[in-house]
Protein backbone atom coordinates (compact mmCIF):
# COMPACT_ATOMS: atom_id res chain seq x y z
CA MET A 1 29.98 16.09 127.20
CA SER A 2 27.86 14.50 124.38
CA ALA A 3 24.26 13.53 125.11
CA MET A 4 23.34 9.97 126.04
CA LEU A 5 19.77 10.65 125.00
CA ASP A 6 18.96 13.52 122.48
CA LEU A 7 15.53 14.63 121.33
CA HIS A 8 15.36 17.24 118.60
CA ASP A 9 12.17 18.86 117.24
CA VAL A 10 9.87 15.93 118.34
CA GLU A 11 6.20 16.10 117.52
CA VAL A 12 3.62 13.64 118.60
CA ARG A 13 0.00 13.66 117.48
CA TYR A 14 -3.12 11.88 118.59
CA GLY A 15 -5.48 12.42 115.68
CA ARG A 16 -5.75 16.16 115.44
CA LEU A 17 -4.43 16.75 118.88
CA VAL A 18 -0.81 17.76 119.09
CA ALA A 19 0.64 16.45 122.31
CA LEU A 20 4.24 17.46 121.74
CA ARG A 21 5.49 20.17 119.42
CA GLY A 22 9.04 21.00 118.64
CA LEU A 23 10.31 19.38 121.82
CA THR A 24 14.04 19.40 122.14
CA MET A 25 16.04 18.16 125.13
CA GLU A 26 18.96 15.97 126.20
CA VAL A 27 20.05 13.64 128.97
CA ARG A 28 23.75 13.10 129.69
CA GLN A 29 25.22 9.95 131.04
CA GLY A 30 25.05 9.82 134.86
CA GLU A 31 22.54 12.61 135.26
CA VAL A 32 19.26 12.82 137.12
CA VAL A 33 17.04 14.91 134.87
CA CYS A 34 13.49 15.63 135.83
CA LEU A 35 10.47 16.77 133.74
CA ILE A 36 7.96 18.95 135.41
CA GLY A 37 4.72 20.61 134.19
CA PRO A 38 0.90 20.75 134.63
CA ASN A 39 -1.40 17.84 133.87
CA GLY A 40 -1.64 17.31 130.12
CA ALA A 41 1.55 19.18 129.41
CA GLY A 42 3.14 16.29 127.56
CA LYS A 43 5.48 14.76 130.21
CA SER A 44 4.21 11.16 130.07
CA THR A 45 3.93 11.45 126.23
CA THR A 46 7.58 12.41 126.18
CA LEU A 47 8.61 9.29 128.06
CA ALA A 48 6.32 7.08 125.87
CA ALA A 49 7.71 8.51 122.68
CA ILE A 50 11.26 7.67 123.81
CA ALA A 51 10.22 4.09 124.87
CA GLY A 52 8.53 3.48 121.45
CA GLY A 53 4.97 3.54 122.80
CA VAL A 54 3.69 6.26 120.50
CA ALA A 55 2.96 5.49 116.86
CA ARG A 56 2.78 9.02 115.29
CA THR A 57 6.07 10.62 116.09
CA THR A 58 8.24 12.95 113.96
CA GLY A 59 11.50 14.50 114.74
CA SER A 60 14.70 12.88 116.00
CA ILE A 61 15.06 10.71 119.21
CA ARG A 62 18.63 9.21 119.53
CA PHE A 63 20.04 7.03 122.21
CA HIS A 64 23.85 6.72 122.00
CA GLY A 65 23.55 7.96 118.53
CA THR A 66 21.04 5.35 117.49
CA GLU A 67 17.70 6.65 116.05
CA LEU A 68 14.73 5.28 118.02
CA PRO A 69 11.31 6.21 116.55
CA ALA A 70 11.21 3.35 113.91
CA ARG A 71 12.11 0.68 116.48
CA LYS A 72 9.69 -1.47 118.48
CA PRO A 73 9.57 -1.04 122.26
CA GLU A 74 11.34 -4.40 122.85
CA ARG A 75 14.26 -3.43 120.65
CA ILE A 76 14.57 -0.03 122.40
CA ALA A 77 14.58 -1.80 125.76
CA ARG A 78 17.40 -4.13 124.53
CA LEU A 79 19.48 -0.99 123.77
CA GLY A 80 19.33 -0.15 127.49
CA LEU A 81 16.34 2.00 127.95
CA SER A 82 13.74 1.04 130.55
CA LEU A 83 10.39 2.71 131.48
CA VAL A 84 8.70 2.47 134.88
CA PRO A 85 5.16 3.42 133.90
CA GLU A 86 2.73 5.69 135.78
CA GLY A 87 0.50 3.70 138.05
CA ARG A 88 3.07 0.94 138.48
CA HIS A 89 1.13 -1.83 136.45
CA VAL A 90 2.43 -4.83 138.40
CA PHE A 91 1.06 -8.23 137.66
CA GLY A 92 -1.16 -8.70 140.74
CA THR A 93 -1.77 -12.35 140.69
CA LEU A 94 1.98 -13.13 140.29
CA SER A 95 4.37 -13.16 143.27
CA VAL A 96 6.87 -10.49 143.86
CA GLU A 97 9.67 -12.79 142.54
CA GLU A 98 7.63 -13.77 139.46
CA ASN A 99 7.14 -10.16 138.57
CA LEU A 100 10.93 -9.44 138.92
CA ARG A 101 11.78 -12.49 136.85
CA ILE A 102 9.67 -11.17 133.99
CA GLY A 103 12.11 -8.29 133.70
CA GLY A 104 15.08 -10.68 133.56
CA TYR A 105 14.20 -12.34 130.21
CA MET A 106 16.39 -9.81 128.37
CA ARG A 107 19.50 -10.90 130.35
CA PRO A 108 21.94 -12.88 128.28
CA SER A 109 21.84 -15.80 130.63
CA ALA A 110 19.96 -17.31 133.55
CA LYS A 111 23.01 -16.85 135.68
CA GLN A 112 23.13 -13.16 135.02
CA ALA A 113 19.34 -12.91 135.76
CA SER A 114 19.75 -14.65 139.03
CA ALA A 115 22.57 -12.38 140.03
CA ALA A 116 20.52 -9.34 139.15
CA LEU A 117 17.66 -10.78 141.16
CA GLU A 118 19.90 -11.11 144.23
CA ARG A 119 21.11 -7.52 143.88
CA ILE A 120 17.53 -6.27 143.68
CA ALA A 121 16.65 -8.22 146.84
CA ASN A 122 19.42 -6.38 148.66
CA TYR A 123 18.25 -3.00 147.37
CA PHE A 124 14.64 -3.66 148.33
CA PRO A 125 14.56 -5.61 151.62
CA GLN A 126 10.83 -4.94 151.97
CA LEU A 127 10.20 -6.80 148.74
CA LYS A 128 12.40 -9.66 149.87
CA GLU A 129 10.22 -10.07 152.92
CA ARG A 130 7.18 -10.45 150.58
CA TRP A 131 8.97 -12.56 147.99
CA ARG A 132 6.26 -15.16 147.65
CA SER A 133 3.31 -12.82 148.23
CA PRO A 134 1.05 -11.75 145.21
CA ALA A 135 1.85 -8.33 144.04
CA ALA A 136 -1.80 -7.20 144.49
CA ARG A 137 -1.24 -7.49 148.24
CA LEU A 138 1.63 -5.02 148.39
CA SER A 139 1.24 -1.48 149.51
CA GLY A 140 1.41 1.36 146.95
CA GLY A 141 5.00 2.14 147.92
CA GLU A 142 5.98 -1.53 147.68
CA GLN A 143 4.39 -1.83 144.28
CA GLN A 144 6.35 1.16 143.12
CA MET A 145 9.57 -0.44 144.31
CA LEU A 146 8.54 -3.54 142.59
CA SER A 147 7.99 -1.73 139.30
CA ILE A 148 11.50 -0.11 139.64
CA GLY A 149 13.03 -3.50 140.50
CA ARG A 150 11.42 -5.16 137.49
CA ALA A 151 12.71 -2.36 135.14
CA LEU A 152 16.22 -2.77 136.79
CA MET A 153 16.08 -6.54 135.92
CA THR A 154 16.30 -5.66 132.21
CA GLY A 155 19.79 -4.11 132.73
CA PRO A 156 19.09 -0.60 131.73
CA LYS A 157 21.61 2.16 131.16
CA LEU A 158 18.91 4.87 131.38
CA MET A 159 15.78 4.30 133.45
CA MET A 160 12.73 6.51 132.87
CA VAL A 161 10.27 6.77 135.84
CA ASP A 162 6.85 8.23 135.23
CA GLU A 163 5.22 9.87 138.31
CA PRO A 164 7.04 7.94 141.08
CA SER A 165 5.16 10.00 143.80
CA LEU A 166 1.68 9.37 142.46
CA GLY A 167 -0.64 8.36 145.27
CA LEU A 168 2.09 7.82 147.78
CA ALA A 169 2.63 9.45 151.15
CA PRO A 170 5.59 12.00 151.17
CA ARG A 171 7.66 9.78 153.46
CA ILE A 172 7.39 6.76 151.10
CA VAL A 173 8.12 9.04 148.09
CA ASP A 174 11.37 10.28 149.65
CA SER A 175 12.30 6.56 150.26
CA VAL A 176 11.68 5.74 146.65
CA TYR A 177 13.95 8.64 145.53
CA GLU A 178 16.68 7.62 147.88
CA ILE A 179 16.55 4.20 146.32
CA LEU A 180 16.71 5.67 142.81
CA LEU A 181 19.80 7.76 143.86
CA GLU A 182 21.40 4.62 145.38
CA LEU A 183 20.85 2.83 142.04
CA ARG A 184 22.45 5.68 140.24
CA ARG A 185 25.53 5.33 142.53
CA GLN A 186 25.74 1.66 142.59
CA GLU A 187 24.60 0.63 139.15
CA GLY A 188 25.74 3.70 137.16
CA LEU A 189 22.14 4.42 136.13
CA THR A 190 21.13 7.62 134.31
CA LEU A 191 17.63 8.81 135.34
CA LEU A 192 14.92 10.63 133.57
CA ILE A 193 11.89 11.26 135.83
CA ASN A 194 8.48 12.76 135.28
CA GLU A 195 7.54 14.47 138.57
CA GLN A 196 4.77 16.78 139.72
CA SER A 197 6.51 18.28 142.84
CA SER A 198 8.91 21.06 142.04
CA HIS A 199 10.09 21.07 145.65
CA ARG A 200 11.14 17.39 145.42
CA ILE A 201 12.99 17.74 142.12
CA LEU A 202 14.98 20.77 143.32
CA ARG A 203 16.37 18.41 146.04
CA PHE A 204 17.04 15.37 143.80
CA ALA A 205 17.61 16.46 140.18
CA ASP A 206 20.76 17.72 138.41
CA ARG A 207 18.85 19.42 135.68
CA ILE A 208 15.16 20.31 135.21
CA TYR A 209 12.97 20.74 132.04
CA VAL A 210 9.58 22.46 132.43
CA ILE A 211 7.04 21.33 129.82
CA ARG A 212 3.85 23.25 129.11
CA ASN A 213 1.45 22.91 126.15
CA GLY A 214 3.69 20.14 124.57
CA GLY A 215 6.93 22.20 124.48
CA ILE A 216 9.90 23.10 126.71
CA LYS A 217 9.47 26.35 128.49
CA LEU A 218 12.50 26.27 130.77
CA HIS A 219 15.45 24.21 131.30
CA GLY A 220 18.46 24.61 133.55
CA ALA A 221 20.52 23.26 136.46
CA ALA A 222 18.56 22.55 139.62
CA SER A 223 21.15 24.53 141.57
CA ALA A 224 20.32 27.60 139.52
CA LEU A 225 16.57 27.28 140.17
CA GLN A 226 16.40 26.84 143.95
CA ASP A 227 14.22 29.91 144.61
CA GLY A 228 11.53 28.35 142.48
CA GLU A 229 10.46 31.57 140.80
CA ALA A 230 11.62 30.75 137.29
CA ILE A 231 9.93 27.30 137.54
CA LYS A 232 6.72 28.89 138.66
CA SER A 233 6.79 31.33 135.81
CA ALA A 234 7.38 28.61 133.26
CA TYR A 235 4.92 26.14 134.87
CA PHE A 236 2.01 28.56 134.96
CA GLY A 237 2.91 30.88 132.01
CA PHE A 238 3.42 34.05 134.08
CA GLY A 239 5.71 35.52 131.35
CA VAL A 240 8.82 34.52 129.65
CA ALA A 241 11.27 32.37 131.78
CA PRO A 242 14.90 32.37 130.85
CA THR A 243 16.09 29.30 128.88
CA PRO A 244 18.49 27.90 129.69
CA VAL A 245 19.17 28.73 133.34
CA GLY A 246 22.55 27.93 134.75
CA ALA A 247 23.80 26.57 131.47
CA SER A 248 27.40 26.66 130.39
CA GLU A 249 28.52 29.29 127.97
CA GLU A 250 28.82 26.69 125.27
CA GLU A 251 25.13 25.60 125.83
CA ALA A 252 23.90 29.16 125.91
CA THR A 253 25.45 29.97 122.52
CA ALA A 254 24.55 26.74 120.83
């Protein structure tokens, strides 16, 4: 299966600091792919580079065959890529509904935006109960749901979610992931998620990439990594982890 999103030899610099170096990875349509790695590894930078939020990028980033780095974030979003940023970043003084409607401006018509808004209200009944409330009054979990709903309003084909578990209780995080998987089933979404918890991604992901020091140290099917030992080795640098793990023969010889 050809890749929906394909990164090849991507490098990102912030001045003299190299945040990503030679990063190569792919996401196939319909997958849940998770990035994991220590703080400062380059996970959030990877998502920002894809979304057009990083100025100094070299290498190739293609979405459905279209090269992205030279494009502005809004044009990238219109291709069907949406980013839920770390820390949620809701508009606190605006109501829940107003926050969601901001995401609907990319829809071709007001009718389609209203239909999307109705679907999101069904996915997130907790938000529907707070429809007129300022977003600043929502709990952390509700704000995360609002951020996901706002991204969904743009009509994405691929949604990138940066640290969905940040600052949330485990029960709330599991609820957020269940919603993401339901969106995958109902909306046909492909998901690329930056996550800290290897335990959680082994439950929810199809494939996993471990990033350390700005590069991929391990990738493989989650089903082949269930004992966690290869992930631990790649995460902490305890030696050389096999790459890829659980890949097909075609991938392994590519």
